Amino acid sequence: MVKLKDIFQNLYPYGVFRAGRDVYLTFDDGPIPEVTPKVLDILARYNVKATFFMVGDNIDKHPEVYEQVIKAGHTIGNHTYNHLKGYRYSLDEYMANVARFPKPTKLFRPPYGKATLAQRRALNRMGYSIIYWDILTRDYNPAVTPASMLHKIQRQVRPGSIINFHDSIKSNERMLTVLPQAIEWLQAQGYKLKTLAME
């Protein structure tokens, strides 16, 4: 029987969809002063570390929020400098934008989960671990309720799951509502929540 993970691995070579035995909370699109510090407060309340896939331009605009994330002991990843959808850009354009990311990291997540095979090969050659997810909360969608997000996490989580949230204006209230509920449930099930720091 062919597993769904194997299908995705074949469609997206060089990509990581699950990792190890723990569960990994990830946040895309920050740092945003209106949202990211609230995420940090929730994570600190439960003594949880997470991985933030940041937009380089947002780091340059809000360096103080970036520093809060680092000082709290979380991990960061490159989400391109301008949140580019890979298929709309040439290899040279895309990689130049990736290279503009202002902080050192070897974790990368393509915005929208979209990057061409050539882009992924180039990222791999640069030493990046390309991180996708196996649970997409869709917290950016106003039609998706916190209750439905929590139910999706409860139904789909497994050892090694990578859960995708967004610390963005668009996701703000829905994500902040479900995040503590999800953490409490995951911890009650015995899952350890860790960062995706790749050695």
C-alpha atoms as a PDB file:
ATOM      1  CA  MET A   1       0.000   0.000   0.000  1.00  0.00           C
ATOM      2  CA  VAL A   2       1.402   3.415  -0.994  1.00  0.00           C
ATOM      3  CA  LYS A   3       1.483   5.885   1.902  1.00  0.00           C
ATOM      4  CA  LEU A   4       0.422   9.501   1.450  1.00  0.00           C
ATOM      5  CA  LYS A   5       3.792  10.626   2.817  1.00  0.00           C
ATOM      6  CA  ASP A   6       5.560   8.673   0.064  1.00  0.00           C
ATOM      7  CA  ILE A   7       3.392  10.287  -2.618  1.00  0.00           C
ATOM      8  CA  PHE A   8       4.245  13.781  -1.367  1.00  0.00           C
ATOM      9  CA  GLN A   9       7.927  12.859  -1.061  1.00  0.00           C
ATOM     10  CA  ASN A  10       7.928  11.801  -4.715  1.00  0.00           C
ATOM     11  CA  LEU A  11       6.095  14.946  -5.819  1.00  0.00           C
ATOM     12  CA  TYR A  12       8.311  17.232  -3.716  1.00  0.00           C
ATOM     13  CA  PRO A  13      11.835  15.818  -3.590  1.00  0.00           C
ATOM     14  CA  TYR A  14      14.176  17.636  -1.193  1.00  0.00           C
ATOM     15  CA  GLY A  15      11.195  18.455   1.067  1.00  0.00           C
ATOM     16  CA  VAL A  16      10.575  17.418   4.688  1.00  0.00           C
ATOM     17  CA  PHE A  17       6.934  16.787   5.670  1.00  0.00           C
ATOM     18  CA  ARG A  18       7.478  15.046   9.023  1.00  0.00           C
ATOM     19  CA  ALA A  19      10.511  14.808  11.260  1.00  0.00           C
ATOM     20  CA  GLY A  20      11.535  12.447  14.041  1.00  0.00           C
ATOM     21  CA  ARG A  21       9.193  11.436  16.868  1.00  0.00           C
ATOM     22  CA  ASP A  22       8.186  14.803  18.315  1.00  0.00           C
ATOM     23  CA  VAL A  23       5.662  17.396  17.106  1.00  0.00           C
ATOM     24  CA  TYR A  24       6.738  20.750  15.704  1.00  0.00           C
ATOM     25  CA  LEU A  25       4.753  23.984  15.819  1.00  0.00           C
ATOM     26  CA  THR A  26       5.722  26.330  12.995  1.00  0.00           C
ATOM     27  CA  PHE A  27       4.658  29.897  12.233  1.00  0.00           C
ATOM     28  CA  ASP A  28       4.915  31.595   8.845  1.00  0.00           C
ATOM     29  CA  ASP A  29       5.028  35.212   7.621  1.00  0.00           C
ATOM     30  CA  GLY A  30       6.205  37.164  10.679  1.00  0.00           C
ATOM     31  CA  PRO A  31       7.642  38.853  12.542  1.00  0.00           C
ATOM     32  CA  ILE A  32       4.616  41.125  12.995  1.00  0.00           C
ATOM     33  CA  PRO A  33       4.461  43.404  16.072  1.00  0.00           C
ATOM     34  CA  GLU A  34       0.684  43.058  16.374  1.00  0.00           C
ATOM     35  CA  VAL A  35       0.782  39.245  16.463  1.00  0.00           C
ATOM     36  CA  THR A  36       4.183  37.625  17.036  1.00  0.00           C
ATOM     37  CA  PRO A  37       4.655  38.839  20.662  1.00  0.00           C
ATOM     38  CA  LYS A  38       1.247  37.366  21.542  1.00  0.00           C
ATOM     39  CA  VAL A  39       2.369  34.027  20.094  1.00  0.00           C
ATOM     40  CA  LEU A  40       5.542  34.243  22.167  1.00  0.00           C
ATOM     41  CA  ASP A  41       3.497  34.862  25.323  1.00  0.00           C
ATOM     42  CA  ILE A  42       1.385  31.749  24.677  1.00  0.00           C
ATOM     43  CA  LEU A  43       4.426  29.586  23.947  1.00  0.00           C
ATOM     44  CA  ALA A  44       6.152  30.827  27.113  1.00  0.00           C
ATOM     45  CA  ARG A  45       3.059  30.067  29.200  1.00  0.00           C
ATOM     46  CA  TYR A  46       3.331  26.392  28.178  1.00  0.00           C
ATOM     47  CA  ASN A  47       7.145  26.261  28.053  1.00  0.00           C
ATOM     48  CA  VAL A  48       7.076  25.377  24.349  1.00  0.00           C
ATOM     49  CA  LYS A  49       9.640  26.181  21.666  1.00  0.00           C
ATOM     50  CA  ALA A  50       8.664  26.630  18.021  1.00  0.00           C
ATOM     51  CA  THR A  51      10.072  27.445  14.590  1.00  0.00           C
ATOM     52  CA  PHE A  52       9.287  30.762  12.892  1.00  0.00           C
ATOM     53  CA  PHE A  53       9.625  30.926   9.103  1.00  0.00           C
ATOM     54  CA  MET A  54      10.119  34.642   8.697  1.00  0.00           C
ATOM     55  CA  VAL A  55       9.814  37.005   5.757  1.00  0.00           C
ATOM     56  CA  GLY A  56      13.105  38.867   5.440  1.00  0.00           C
ATOM     57  CA  ASP A  57      11.444  42.213   4.746  1.00  0.00           C
ATOM     58  CA  ASN A  58       9.457  41.862   7.980  1.00  0.00           C
ATOM     59  CA  ILE A  59      12.680  41.240   9.918  1.00  0.00           C
ATOM     60  CA  ASP A  60      14.145  44.444   8.503  1.00  0.00           C
ATOM     61  CA  LYS A  61      10.963  46.359   9.344  1.00  0.00           C
ATOM     62  CA  HIS A  62      10.589  44.904  12.853  1.00  0.00           C
ATOM     63  CA  PRO A  63      14.042  43.912  14.144  1.00  0.00           C
ATOM     64  CA  GLU A  64      12.916  44.276  17.768  1.00  0.00           C
ATOM     65  CA  VAL A  65      10.277  41.565  17.276  1.00  0.00           C
ATOM     66  CA  TYR A  66      12.848  39.306  15.612  1.00  0.00           C
ATOM     67  CA  GLU A  67      15.081  39.779  18.676  1.00  0.00           C
ATOM     68  CA  GLN A  68      12.197  38.807  20.979  1.00  0.00           C
ATOM     69  CA  VAL A  69      11.823  35.520  19.092  1.00  0.00           C
ATOM     70  CA  ILE A  70      15.555  34.777  19.319  1.00  0.00           C
ATOM     71  CA  LYS A  71      15.838  35.740  22.994  1.00  0.00           C
ATOM     72  CA  ALA A  72      12.929  33.417  23.801  1.00  0.00           C
ATOM     73  CA  GLY A  73      14.942  30.492  22.401  1.00  0.00           C
ATOM     74  CA  HIS A  74      12.956  29.773  19.258  1.00  0.00           C
ATOM     75  CA  THR A  75      14.355  28.787  15.867  1.00  0.00           C
ATOM     76  CA  ILE A  76      13.972  30.786  12.667  1.00  0.00           C
ATOM     77  CA  GLY A  77      13.764  29.773   9.029  1.00  0.00           C
ATOM     78  CA  ASN A  78      13.959  31.625   5.714  1.00  0.00           C
ATOM     79  CA  HIS A  79      10.575  32.312   4.056  1.00  0.00           C
ATOM     80  CA  THR A  80      12.172  34.410   1.270  1.00  0.00           C
ATOM     81  CA  TYR A  81      12.682  38.146   1.523  1.00  0.00           C
ATOM     82  CA  ASN A  82       9.392  39.173  -0.136  1.00  0.00           C
ATOM     83  CA  HIS A  83       7.132  36.103   0.323  1.00  0.00           C
ATOM     84  CA  LEU A  84       7.538  34.953  -3.269  1.00  0.00           C
ATOM     85  CA  LYS A  85       5.415  32.306  -4.946  1.00  0.00           C
ATOM     86  CA  GLY A  86       8.130  30.246  -6.625  1.00  0.00           C
ATOM     87  CA  TYR A  87       6.362  29.373  -9.869  1.00  0.00           C
ATOM     88  CA  ARG A  88       6.061  33.057 -10.788  1.00  0.00           C
ATOM     89  CA  TYR A  89       9.804  33.718 -10.738  1.00  0.00           C
ATOM     90  CA  SER A  90      12.864  32.550 -12.597  1.00  0.00           C
ATOM     91  CA  LEU A  91      15.472  30.520 -10.766  1.00  0.00           C
ATOM     92  CA  ASP A  92      17.847  33.494 -10.616  1.00  0.00           C
ATOM     93  CA  GLU A  93      15.156  35.885  -9.342  1.00  0.00           C
ATOM     94  CA  TYR A  94      13.985  33.447  -6.691  1.00  0.00           C
ATOM     95  CA  MET A  95      17.430  32.543  -5.400  1.00  0.00           C
ATOM     96  CA  ALA A  96      18.465  36.213  -5.275  1.00  0.00           C
ATOM     97  CA  ASN A  97      15.425  36.894  -3.099  1.00  0.00           C
ATOM     98  CA  VAL A  98      16.259  33.946  -0.830  1.00  0.00           C
ATOM     99  CA  ALA A  99      19.819  35.264  -0.522  1.00  0.00           C
ATOM    100  CA  ARG A 100      18.535  38.671   0.674  1.00  0.00           C
ATOM    101  CA  PHE A 101      17.259  37.042   3.887  1.00  0.00           C
ATOM    102  CA  PRO A 102      19.119  39.021   6.568  1.00  0.00           C
ATOM    103  CA  LYS A 103      19.783  36.328   9.187  1.00  0.00           C
ATOM    104  CA  PRO A 104      21.691  33.022   9.138  1.00  0.00           C
ATOM    105  CA  THR A 105      19.605  29.841   8.993  1.00  0.00           C
ATOM    106  CA  LYS A 106      19.605  26.563   7.086  1.00  0.00           C
ATOM    107  CA  LEU A 107      15.845  26.040   7.361  1.00  0.00           C
ATOM    108  CA  PHE A 108      13.669  27.142   4.464  1.00  0.00           C
ATOM    109  CA  ARG A 109       9.957  27.052   3.765  1.00  0.00           C
ATOM    110  CA  PRO A 110       8.630  28.103   0.348  1.00  0.00           C
ATOM    111  CA  PRO A 111       5.782  30.625   0.651  1.00  0.00           C
ATOM    112  CA  TYR A 112       2.482  28.958  -0.292  1.00  0.00           C
ATOM    113  CA  GLY A 113       4.442  25.674  -0.308  1.00  0.00           C
ATOM    114  CA  LYS A 114       5.316  26.455  -3.937  1.00  0.00           C
ATOM    115  CA  ALA A 115       8.789  26.215  -5.429  1.00  0.00           C
ATOM    116  CA  THR A 116       9.902  24.704  -8.720  1.00  0.00           C
ATOM    117  CA  LEU A 117      12.051  21.597  -8.842  1.00  0.00           C
ATOM    118  CA  ALA A 118      14.993  23.711 -10.040  1.00  0.00           C
ATOM    119  CA  GLN A 119      14.512  26.095  -7.105  1.00  0.00           C
ATOM    120  CA  ARG A 120      14.375  23.213  -4.647  1.00  0.00           C
ATOM    121  CA  ARG A 121      17.507  21.678  -6.134  1.00  0.00           C
ATOM    122  CA  ALA A 122      19.323  25.001  -5.812  1.00  0.00           C
ATOM    123  CA  LEU A 123      18.173  25.404  -2.204  1.00  0.00           C
ATOM    124  CA  ASN A 124      19.383  21.883  -1.457  1.00  0.00           C
ATOM    125  CA  ARG A 125      22.774  22.661  -2.979  1.00  0.00           C
ATOM    126  CA  MET A 126      22.971  25.716  -0.698  1.00  0.00           C
ATOM    127  CA  GLY A 127      22.521  23.428   2.308  1.00  0.00           C
ATOM    128  CA  TYR A 128      18.933  24.319   3.158  1.00  0.00           C
ATOM    129  CA  SER A 129      16.536  21.833   4.729  1.00  0.00           C
ATOM    130  CA  ILE A 130      13.248  22.542   2.910  1.00  0.00           C
ATOM    131  CA  ILE A 131      10.448  22.229   5.443  1.00  0.00           C
ATOM    132  CA  TYR A 132       6.824  21.723   4.464  1.00  0.00           C
ATOM    133  CA  TRP A 133       4.146  20.412   6.845  1.00  0.00           C
ATOM    134  CA  ASP A 134       1.715  17.539   7.220  1.00  0.00           C
ATOM    135  CA  ILE A 135      -0.952  19.612   9.025  1.00  0.00           C
ATOM    136  CA  LEU A 136      -2.008  22.910   7.454  1.00  0.00           C
ATOM    137  CA  THR A 137      -4.331  24.738   9.860  1.00  0.00           C
ATOM    138  CA  ARG A 138      -5.511  27.240   7.209  1.00  0.00           C
ATOM    139  CA  ASP A 139      -5.764  29.797  10.005  1.00  0.00           C
ATOM    140  CA  TYR A 140      -5.521  32.555   7.357  1.00  0.00           C
ATOM    141  CA  ASN A 141      -8.951  31.600   5.981  1.00  0.00           C
ATOM    142  CA  PRO A 142     -11.861  33.462   7.659  1.00  0.00           C
ATOM    143  CA  ALA A 143     -14.166  30.519   6.886  1.00  0.00           C
ATOM    144  CA  VAL A 144     -12.058  28.161   9.035  1.00  0.00           C
ATOM    145  CA  THR A 145     -13.049  28.256  12.701  1.00  0.00           C
ATOM    146  CA  PRO A 146     -10.730  27.621  15.668  1.00  0.00           C
ATOM    147  CA  ALA A 147     -12.866  24.564  16.511  1.00  0.00           C
ATOM    148  CA  SER A 148     -12.338  23.074  13.050  1.00  0.00           C
ATOM    149  CA  MET A 149      -8.599  23.758  13.242  1.00  0.00           C
ATOM    150  CA  LEU A 150      -8.357  22.001  16.581  1.00  0.00           C
ATOM    151  CA  HIS A 151     -10.364  19.066  15.280  1.00  0.00           C
ATOM    152  CA  LYS A 152      -8.046  18.778  12.277  1.00  0.00           C
ATOM    153  CA  ILE A 153      -4.975  18.728  14.514  1.00  0.00           C
ATOM    154  CA  GLN A 154      -6.531  16.122  16.813  1.00  0.00           C
ATOM    155  CA  ARG A 155      -7.490  13.953  13.845  1.00  0.00           C
ATOM    156  CA  GLN A 156      -4.272  14.174  11.842  1.00  0.00           C
ATOM    157  CA  VAL A 157      -1.404  14.557  14.312  1.00  0.00           C
ATOM    158  CA  ARG A 158       1.122  11.751  14.647  1.00  0.00           C
ATOM    159  CA  PRO A 159       4.740  11.455  15.800  1.00  0.00           C
ATOM    160  CA  GLY A 160       6.867  13.733  13.633  1.00  0.00           C
ATOM    161  CA  SER A 161       4.008  16.013  12.576  1.00  0.00           C
ATOM    162  CA  ILE A 162       4.860  19.534  11.458  1.00  0.00           C
ATOM    163  CA  ILE A 163       1.933  21.875  12.140  1.00  0.00           C
ATOM    164  CA  ASN A 164       1.634  25.054  10.073  1.00  0.00           C
ATOM    165  CA  PHE A 165       0.292  28.243  11.703  1.00  0.00           C
ATOM    166  CA  HIS A 166       0.756  31.878  10.642  1.00  0.00           C
ATOM    167  CA  ASP A 167       1.747  34.788  12.896  1.00  0.00           C
ATOM    168  CA  SER A 168       0.109  37.271  10.527  1.00  0.00           C
ATOM    169  CA  ILE A 169      -2.609  39.909  10.681  1.00  0.00           C
ATOM    170  CA  LYS A 170      -4.826  37.714   8.511  1.00  0.00           C
ATOM    171  CA  SER A 171      -4.638  34.781  10.963  1.00  0.00           C
ATOM    172  CA  ASN A 172      -4.475  36.782  14.185  1.00  0.00           C
ATOM    173  CA  GLU A 173      -7.588  36.044  16.283  1.00  0.00           C
ATOM    174  CA  ARG A 174      -8.326  32.546  14.927  1.00  0.00           C
ATOM    175  CA  MET A 175      -4.760  31.392  15.424  1.00  0.00           C
ATOM    176  CA  LEU A 176      -4.423  32.958  18.874  1.00  0.00           C
ATOM    177  CA  THR A 177      -7.663  31.289  19.966  1.00  0.00           C
ATOM    178  CA  VAL A 178      -6.751  27.788  18.845  1.00  0.00           C
ATOM    179  CA  LEU A 179      -3.035  27.819  19.718  1.00  0.00           C
ATOM    180  CA  PRO A 180      -3.364  27.353  23.523  1.00  0.00           C
ATOM    181  CA  GLN A 181      -6.110  24.773  23.020  1.00  0.00           C
ATOM    182  CA  ALA A 182      -3.923  22.825  20.598  1.00  0.00           C
ATOM    183  CA  ILE A 183      -0.889  22.976  22.886  1.00  0.00           C
ATOM    184  CA  GLU A 184      -2.870  21.798  25.904  1.00  0.00           C
ATOM    185  CA  TRP A 185      -4.368  18.898  23.942  1.00  0.00           C
ATOM    186  CA  LEU A 186      -1.045  17.855  22.394  1.00  0.00           C
ATOM    187  CA  GLN A 187       0.725  17.930  25.755  1.00  0.00           C
ATOM    188  CA  ALA A 188      -2.102  15.941  27.341  1.00  0.00           C
ATOM    189  CA  GLN A 189      -1.546  13.278  24.679  1.00  0.00           C
ATOM    190  CA  GLY A 190       2.119  13.070  25.658  1.00  0.00           C
ATOM    191  CA  TYR A 191       3.600  14.840  22.637  1.00  0.00           C
ATOM    192  CA  LYS A 192       6.811  16.814  23.110  1.00  0.00           C
ATOM    193  CA  LEU A 193       6.723  20.107  21.202  1.00  0.00           C
ATOM    194  CA  LYS A 194      10.124  21.079  19.859  1.00  0.00           C
ATOM    195  CA  THR A 195      11.854  23.295  17.314  1.00  0.00           C
ATOM    196  CA  LEU A 196      12.972  22.117  13.906  1.00  0.00           C
ATOM    197  CA  ALA A 197      16.620  22.993  14.490  1.00  0.00           C
ATOM    198  CA  MET A 198      18.472  20.789  12.027  1.00  0.00           C
ATOM    199  CA  GLU A 199      21.962  19.670  12.936  1.00  0.00           C
END
